[in-house]
N, C-alpha and C. Protein backbone atom coordinates (compact mmCIF):
# COMPACT_ATOMS: atom_id res chain seq x y z
N MET A 1 -22.73 -2.37 -4.09
CA MET A 1 -22.28 -2.29 -2.60
C MET A 1 -23.80 -1.78 -2.25
N ASN A 2 -24.47 -2.43 -1.27
CA ASN A 2 -25.56 -1.56 -1.05
C ASN A 2 -25.56 -0.40 0.26
N LEU A 3 -25.81 0.48 0.20
CA LEU A 3 -25.69 1.48 1.23
C LEU A 3 -26.66 2.37 1.71
N THR A 4 -27.15 1.97 2.75
CA THR A 4 -28.39 2.93 3.22
C THR A 4 -27.85 4.03 4.31
N ARG A 5 -28.67 5.15 4.15
CA ARG A 5 -27.97 6.51 5.13
C ARG A 5 -29.08 6.95 5.91
N GLN A 6 -29.02 7.13 7.36
CA GLN A 6 -30.03 7.64 7.87
C GLN A 6 -29.43 9.17 7.86
N ALA A 7 -30.43 10.29 8.30
CA ALA A 7 -30.19 11.35 8.75
C ALA A 7 -29.26 11.33 9.90
N GLY A 8 -28.01 11.72 9.94
CA GLY A 8 -26.91 11.89 10.83
C GLY A 8 -26.28 11.08 11.14
N ALA A 9 -26.49 9.54 10.66
CA ALA A 9 -26.00 8.56 11.29
C ALA A 9 -25.09 8.29 10.44
N ALA A 10 -24.20 7.34 10.73
CA ALA A 10 -23.02 6.77 9.92
C ALA A 10 -23.87 5.64 8.82
N ALA A 11 -22.91 5.46 7.75
CA ALA A 11 -23.31 4.59 6.94
C ALA A 11 -23.86 2.99 7.05
N GLU A 12 -24.30 2.24 6.87
CA GLU A 12 -24.84 0.52 7.23
C GLU A 12 -24.67 0.07 6.03
N TYR A 13 -23.45 -1.04 6.19
CA TYR A 13 -23.06 -1.77 4.78
C TYR A 13 -23.95 -3.03 5.33
N SER A 14 -25.02 -3.20 3.79
CA SER A 14 -25.70 -4.42 4.18
C SER A 14 -24.98 -5.46 3.07
N ASP A 15 -23.88 -5.67 2.99
CA ASP A 15 -23.54 -6.72 1.97
C ASP A 15 -23.53 -8.04 2.82
N LYS A 16 -23.36 -9.39 1.99
CA LYS A 16 -23.61 -10.35 2.42
C LYS A 16 -22.13 -10.81 2.81
N LEU A 17 -22.05 -11.82 3.96
CA LEU A 17 -20.85 -12.05 4.53
C LEU A 17 -20.17 -13.14 3.19
N GLY A 18 -20.51 -13.59 2.53
CA GLY A 18 -20.15 -14.58 1.66
C GLY A 18 -18.94 -13.59 0.74
N LYS A 19 -19.46 -12.61 0.43
CA LYS A 19 -18.32 -11.80 -0.50
C LYS A 19 -17.29 -11.52 0.21
N TYR A 20 -17.41 -11.02 1.49
CA TYR A 20 -15.98 -10.54 2.39
C TYR A 20 -15.14 -12.12 2.58
N LEU A 21 -15.94 -13.30 2.88
CA LEU A 21 -15.05 -14.67 2.74
C LEU A 21 -14.47 -14.86 2.09
N ILE A 22 -15.14 -14.62 0.63
CA ILE A 22 -14.37 -15.00 -0.57
C ILE A 22 -13.05 -13.84 -0.89
N VAL A 23 -13.34 -12.63 -0.45
CA VAL A 23 -11.99 -11.86 -0.41
C VAL A 23 -11.13 -12.16 0.56
N TYR A 24 -11.29 -12.61 1.79
CA TYR A 24 -10.29 -12.96 2.81
C TYR A 24 -9.82 -13.97 2.24
N VAL A 25 -10.31 -15.21 1.53
CA VAL A 25 -9.76 -16.46 1.32
C VAL A 25 -8.65 -15.87 -0.22
N VAL A 26 -9.17 -15.09 -0.87
CA VAL A 26 -8.27 -14.41 -1.91
C VAL A 26 -6.86 -13.95 -1.59
N ILE A 27 -7.21 -13.00 -0.52
CA ILE A 27 -5.84 -12.45 0.10
C ILE A 27 -5.10 -13.54 0.73
N LEU A 28 -5.76 -14.70 1.25
CA LEU A 28 -5.01 -15.83 1.93
C LEU A 28 -4.00 -16.29 0.75
N ALA A 29 -4.48 -16.22 -0.37
CA ALA A 29 -3.74 -17.02 -1.38
C ALA A 29 -2.63 -16.71 -1.88
N ILE A 30 -3.27 -15.08 -1.75
CA ILE A 30 -2.05 -14.15 -2.27
C ILE A 30 -0.97 -14.32 -1.46
N ALA A 31 -1.17 -14.44 -0.33
CA ALA A 31 -0.28 -14.31 0.58
C ALA A 31 0.84 -16.12 0.71
N GLY A 32 -0.15 -16.89 0.47
CA GLY A 32 0.70 -17.85 -0.01
C GLY A 32 0.98 -18.22 -1.00
N LEU A 33 0.95 -17.42 -2.08
CA LEU A 33 1.56 -17.35 -3.32
C LEU A 33 2.83 -16.70 -3.38
N GLN A 34 3.00 -15.59 -2.49
CA GLN A 34 4.13 -14.62 -2.12
C GLN A 34 4.96 -15.51 -1.36
N PHE A 35 4.47 -16.79 -0.42
CA PHE A 35 5.62 -17.34 0.16
C PHE A 35 5.96 -18.67 -0.87
N VAL A 36 5.42 -18.70 -1.92
CA VAL A 36 5.99 -19.83 -2.79
C VAL A 36 7.12 -18.97 -3.66
N ILE A 37 6.84 -17.65 -4.37
CA ILE A 37 7.70 -16.82 -4.93
C ILE A 37 8.86 -16.94 -4.17
N ALA A 38 8.97 -16.38 -2.74
CA ALA A 38 10.16 -16.09 -1.90
C ALA A 38 11.05 -17.34 -1.92
N TYR A 39 10.56 -18.70 -2.13
CA TYR A 39 11.51 -19.72 -2.04
C TYR A 39 11.81 -20.21 -3.73
N GLN A 40 11.51 -19.38 -4.71
CA GLN A 40 11.92 -19.60 -6.01
C GLN A 40 12.94 -19.38 -6.08
N ARG A 41 14.07 -19.87 -7.00
CA ARG A 41 15.25 -19.42 -7.48
C ARG A 41 15.48 -18.15 -8.93
N ILE A 42 14.88 -17.46 -8.61
CA ILE A 42 14.56 -16.34 -9.44
C ILE A 42 15.41 -15.12 -9.60
N ASP A 43 15.54 -14.34 -10.13
CA ASP A 43 16.37 -13.25 -10.09
C ASP A 43 15.73 -12.06 -9.22
N VAL A 44 16.50 -11.01 -8.73
CA VAL A 44 15.86 -10.50 -7.60
C VAL A 44 14.89 -9.30 -8.10
N SER A 45 15.42 -8.64 -9.34
CA SER A 45 14.36 -7.90 -9.93
C SER A 45 13.18 -8.28 -10.19
N ALA A 46 13.18 -9.62 -10.61
CA ALA A 46 11.77 -10.70 -11.19
C ALA A 46 11.28 -10.60 -10.02
N MET A 47 11.68 -11.00 -8.77
CA MET A 47 10.93 -11.24 -7.53
C MET A 47 10.72 -10.05 -6.67
N LEU A 48 11.28 -8.91 -7.01
CA LEU A 48 10.74 -7.70 -6.61
C LEU A 48 9.54 -7.30 -7.12
N PHE A 49 9.56 -7.35 -8.46
CA PHE A 49 8.40 -7.06 -9.39
C PHE A 49 7.00 -7.81 -8.97
N ARG A 50 7.20 -9.42 -8.98
CA ARG A 50 6.37 -10.15 -8.70
C ARG A 50 5.72 -10.20 -7.11
N MET A 51 6.43 -9.69 -6.24
CA MET A 51 6.26 -9.29 -4.99
C MET A 51 5.42 -7.77 -4.73
N LEU A 52 5.79 -7.19 -5.53
CA LEU A 52 5.42 -5.81 -5.43
C LEU A 52 4.00 -5.77 -5.83
N LEU A 53 3.76 -6.45 -7.03
CA LEU A 53 2.62 -6.50 -7.71
C LEU A 53 1.68 -7.19 -6.92
N LEU A 54 1.80 -8.63 -6.30
CA LEU A 54 0.82 -9.28 -5.65
C LEU A 54 0.52 -8.18 -4.38
N ALA A 55 1.61 -7.63 -3.52
CA ALA A 55 0.98 -6.50 -2.39
C ALA A 55 0.27 -5.81 -2.89
N ILE A 56 0.31 -5.18 -4.21
CA ILE A 56 -0.35 -3.89 -4.43
C ILE A 56 -1.98 -4.77 -4.58
N VAL A 57 -2.08 -5.69 -5.21
CA VAL A 57 -3.25 -6.55 -5.40
C VAL A 57 -3.93 -6.48 -4.09
N GLU A 58 -2.95 -7.38 -3.23
CA GLU A 58 -3.79 -7.57 -2.10
C GLU A 58 -4.11 -6.38 -0.85
N ALA A 59 -3.39 -5.41 -1.55
CA ALA A 59 -3.75 -3.93 -0.50
C ALA A 59 -4.85 -3.46 -1.13
N VAL A 60 -4.96 -3.51 -2.36
CA VAL A 60 -6.22 -2.75 -3.26
C VAL A 60 -7.62 -3.73 -2.79
N LEU A 61 -7.57 -4.97 -2.34
CA LEU A 61 -8.54 -5.61 -2.15
C LEU A 61 -8.81 -5.49 -0.69
N ALA A 62 -7.87 -5.24 -0.16
CA ALA A 62 -8.47 -4.90 1.30
C ALA A 62 -8.89 -3.34 1.62
N VAL A 63 -8.53 -2.69 0.95
CA VAL A 63 -8.80 -1.35 1.42
C VAL A 63 -10.38 -0.83 0.35
N VAL A 64 -10.25 -1.74 -0.55
CA VAL A 64 -11.86 -1.54 -1.27
C VAL A 64 -12.80 -2.33 -0.58
N PHE A 65 -12.66 -3.43 -0.01
CA PHE A 65 -13.53 -4.32 0.48
C PHE A 65 -13.78 -4.09 2.18
N PHE A 66 -12.83 -4.26 2.56
CA PHE A 66 -12.76 -4.41 4.36
C PHE A 66 -12.76 -2.88 4.95
N MET A 67 -12.25 -2.26 4.32
CA MET A 67 -12.26 -0.13 4.60
C MET A 67 -13.46 0.20 4.01
N HIS A 68 -14.13 -0.54 2.84
CA HIS A 68 -15.72 0.26 2.36
C HIS A 68 -15.04 1.16 1.63
N LEU A 69 -13.94 1.22 0.95
CA LEU A 69 -13.65 2.55 0.33
C LEU A 69 -14.16 2.51 -1.32
N GLY A 70 -14.44 1.17 -1.67
CA GLY A 70 -15.21 0.88 -3.06
C GLY A 70 -16.63 1.36 -3.03
N SER A 71 -17.31 1.95 -2.04
CA SER A 71 -18.74 2.52 -1.85
C SER A 71 -18.82 3.60 -1.56
N GLU A 72 -17.44 4.34 -1.41
CA GLU A 72 -17.34 5.90 -1.10
C GLU A 72 -17.94 6.67 -2.31
N ASN A 73 -17.82 8.03 -2.07
CA ASN A 73 -17.71 8.95 -3.26
C ASN A 73 -16.75 9.23 -3.71
N ARG A 74 -16.55 9.38 -5.41
CA ARG A 74 -15.37 8.95 -6.09
C ARG A 74 -14.21 10.47 -5.86
N THR A 75 -15.24 11.50 -5.60
CA THR A 75 -14.19 12.66 -5.03
C THR A 75 -13.60 12.40 -3.53
N PHE A 76 -14.20 11.61 -2.69
CA PHE A 76 -13.47 11.20 -1.73
C PHE A 76 -12.16 10.59 -1.69
N VAL A 77 -12.35 9.36 -2.45
CA VAL A 77 -11.48 8.28 -3.05
C VAL A 77 -10.02 8.71 -3.38
N THR A 78 -10.70 9.82 -4.73
CA THR A 78 -9.66 10.70 -5.29
C THR A 78 -9.03 11.53 -4.45
N TRP A 79 -9.36 11.98 -3.26
CA TRP A 79 -8.44 12.67 -2.59
C TRP A 79 -7.71 12.00 -1.72
N VAL A 80 -8.16 10.78 -1.33
CA VAL A 80 -7.34 9.44 -0.34
C VAL A 80 -6.45 9.27 -1.48
N ALA A 81 -6.64 9.10 -2.67
CA ALA A 81 -5.33 8.27 -3.35
C ALA A 81 -4.16 9.50 -3.06
N ILE A 82 -4.75 10.97 -3.50
CA ILE A 82 -3.78 11.69 -3.84
C ILE A 82 -2.82 12.00 -2.76
N VAL A 83 -3.51 12.17 -1.43
CA VAL A 83 -2.93 12.17 -0.10
C VAL A 83 -1.94 11.05 -0.09
N THR A 84 -2.47 9.84 -0.14
CA THR A 84 -1.59 8.88 -0.03
C THR A 84 -0.04 8.87 -0.66
N ILE A 85 -0.50 9.18 -2.32
CA ILE A 85 0.58 9.27 -2.88
C ILE A 85 1.70 10.31 -2.24
N PHE A 86 1.28 11.74 -2.11
CA PHE A 86 1.99 12.54 -1.68
C PHE A 86 2.70 11.94 -0.21
N VAL A 87 2.01 11.41 0.50
CA VAL A 87 2.59 10.81 2.01
C VAL A 87 3.85 10.01 1.28
N PHE A 88 4.01 8.74 0.57
CA PHE A 88 4.58 7.94 0.17
C PHE A 88 5.96 8.79 -0.28
N ALA A 89 5.33 9.92 -1.24
CA ALA A 89 6.55 10.55 -1.93
C ALA A 89 7.43 11.46 -1.28
N ALA A 90 6.77 11.86 -0.16
CA ALA A 90 7.61 12.75 0.95
C ALA A 90 8.42 11.60 1.79
N LEU A 91 7.86 10.29 2.27
CA LEU A 91 8.66 9.39 2.62
C LEU A 91 10.31 9.09 2.09
N GLN A 92 10.03 9.02 0.55
CA GLN A 92 11.26 8.95 -0.16
C GLN A 92 12.34 10.14 0.11
N TYR A 93 11.95 11.25 0.40
CA TYR A 93 12.81 12.40 0.29
C TYR A 93 14.35 11.96 1.29
N SER A 94 14.05 11.24 2.48
CA SER A 94 14.79 11.07 3.57
C SER A 94 16.05 10.13 3.30
N TRP A 95 15.64 8.95 2.01
CA TRP A 95 16.54 7.87 1.93
C TRP A 95 17.95 8.47 1.53
N THR A 96 17.96 9.26 0.96
CA THR A 96 19.54 9.63 0.51
C THR A 96 20.18 10.24 1.78
N ASP A 97 19.78 11.00 2.57
CA ASP A 97 20.26 11.29 3.91
C ASP A 97 20.60 10.28 4.21
N SER A 98 19.89 9.35 4.89
CA SER A 98 19.97 8.18 5.61
C SER A 98 20.94 7.35 5.22
N ASN A 99 21.39 7.06 3.76
CA ASN A 99 22.35 6.24 3.61
C ASN A 99 23.30 7.13 3.31
N ARG A 100 23.46 8.30 3.36
CA ARG A 100 24.66 8.88 3.64
C ARG A 100 25.40 8.97 4.86
N MET A 101 24.33 9.06 5.91
CA MET A 101 24.50 8.82 7.50
C MET A 101 25.03 7.40 7.91
N GLU A 102 24.97 6.43 7.65
CA GLU A 102 24.92 5.09 7.22
C GLU A 102 26.27 4.94 6.85
N ARG A 103 26.94 5.92 6.01
CA ARG A 103 28.11 5.31 5.57
C ARG A 103 29.36 6.58 6.06
N LEU A 104 28.73 7.43 7.07
CA LEU A 104 29.40 8.21 7.99
C LEU A 104 30.14 9.34 7.02
N SER A 105 29.46 9.67 5.66
CA SER A 105 30.23 10.57 5.46
C SER A 105 29.58 11.70 5.43
N PRO A 106 30.17 13.23 5.11
CA PRO A 106 30.00 14.41 5.22
C PRO A 106 28.84 14.68 4.21
N PRO A 107 28.31 15.60 4.57
CA PRO A 107 26.99 16.07 3.75
C PRO A 107 27.92 16.81 2.66
N ALA A 108 27.45 16.77 1.34
CA ALA A 108 28.05 17.51 0.08
C ALA A 108 28.32 18.67 0.13
N ASN A 109 27.55 19.78 0.89
CA ASN A 109 28.25 20.98 0.97
C ASN A 109 29.33 21.34 1.76
N ASN A 110 29.50 20.46 2.55
CA ASN A 110 30.66 20.47 3.19
C ASN A 110 32.35 19.67 3.00
N VAL A 111 31.85 19.03 1.74
CA VAL A 111 33.00 18.88 1.12
C VAL A 111 34.02 19.64 0.56
N GLY A 112 35.38 19.52 0.92
CA GLY A 112 36.07 20.56 0.83
C GLY A 112 36.26 21.87 1.44
N ALA A 113 35.70 21.95 2.63
CA ALA A 113 35.48 23.16 3.18
C ALA A 113 36.98 23.02 4.19
N SER A 114 37.39 24.11 4.33
CA SER A 114 38.75 24.25 5.65
C SER A 114 37.87 23.94 6.59
N GLN A 115 38.56 23.15 7.89
CA GLN A 115 38.35 22.80 9.04
C GLN A 115 39.04 23.83 9.82
């Protein structure tokens, strides 16, 4: 990716439009493939694996090309990846409590306590 920088100015991306159109068509094809997989009669775990794999590929293409993360400094990209993984991991923390609240069961530390 050609990247020209001016002093104090934002980066200018001078890639050809054809590259972005190809990536866009590939993303559309992946979305169509997800639609086909959704209507196949396969095991739930196999469908989940295939859909998740296609979604990851689709997201990586979008981030690398349309958000221009592929032309950024590797240190910056590494920190973005670390922060993203941390945020996703932090979001997983509340699942167990929401499951408990949905079942209307008391918290684990109150089980057996006198009322």
